Each structure stands twice: as structure tokens, then as C-alpha cells.
Amino acid sequence: MSLWSILVFGTLRLVTNCDYDRLQELANEHGTLRKMPGHGPYCTHSYHIQTLQDNISLFTPEILDHVNLLVVVAGHELVKKDEPLCYRADSFVGKTDIHFPTDISLLSDACRKMVEFAAVLAQQYRLIGWQQLST
């Protein structure tokens, strides 16, 4: 596997937290993902699961953090040092169905999710004194 393929599929595996069977299916069948490492629509190259396991298992979150740092440093070297960094963003407004009162329902949703999250953390860290969450 090329280093670029390892970066693409390693990042995909870390971000989606998928197993190697799912990664193999994505690497061999997903047309858009196959374009990223440079495979065209008529390319018959396929990735074997053992090849993916041998190469991608070495691609850890720490290595991804190091690659991200190198990319940021390289980007900063391209920017002139004496000029401040300026950014631009573009956005658009889309029509959506928002129910009234939005702020109250958002607060209710936030509280509900926090209770669910607290229950998961209490179970994960075996905290005593927490009631079981009933859904």
C-alpha cells in the first residue's frame, strides 16, 4: 500500500471507528472513497483484509495528530510571517421547520442529553450513588 492510501484509509478507520471488514468493504466498493487514493471508476485493484490490517493497524491516533501538526506547520510556513492571519467564510440561510419556542425546547433537549451522558459516564466509571437511567 502507498503511504497516501494508508493515510486515507487509516484516517477513515480512526474517524468512523469501523472494523477491518467494514474498512475493506469501503476501500473496495465505495466509488467516492476509491477516488481519494487515486483509483478510477474502472480500476479493478482491490484491498485484501490482511493487507489493510498489517498497514492500517500501525496508523495510530498519535500518528494522525503528528501528521495534522506537520500540515499546520507547513501551512504556516506558506503564510507571510509579517502579515496577520485573516480568514473568510461563506454561509447561506436555508428554510427549515423550527418549532416555537426554540430556546426552551433546545434547553430541554440539552438537559435530556446531559442526563443520558451522565448515566453513561456513571456506568462506565462505576460511580456509586447514581440512579439507573430509564428510557
Foldseek 3Di string as FASTA:
>chain_A
DDPQVLVLLLVVCVVVVDDLVVSQCCCQPPQVSVPRVPDHPPDNDGDDSVNNCVRSVVVDVVNVVVVVVVVVVVVVVVDDPVDDDDDDDDDDDDDDDQDPPNVVVVVVVVVVVVLVVVQVVCVVVVPPPDDHDDD
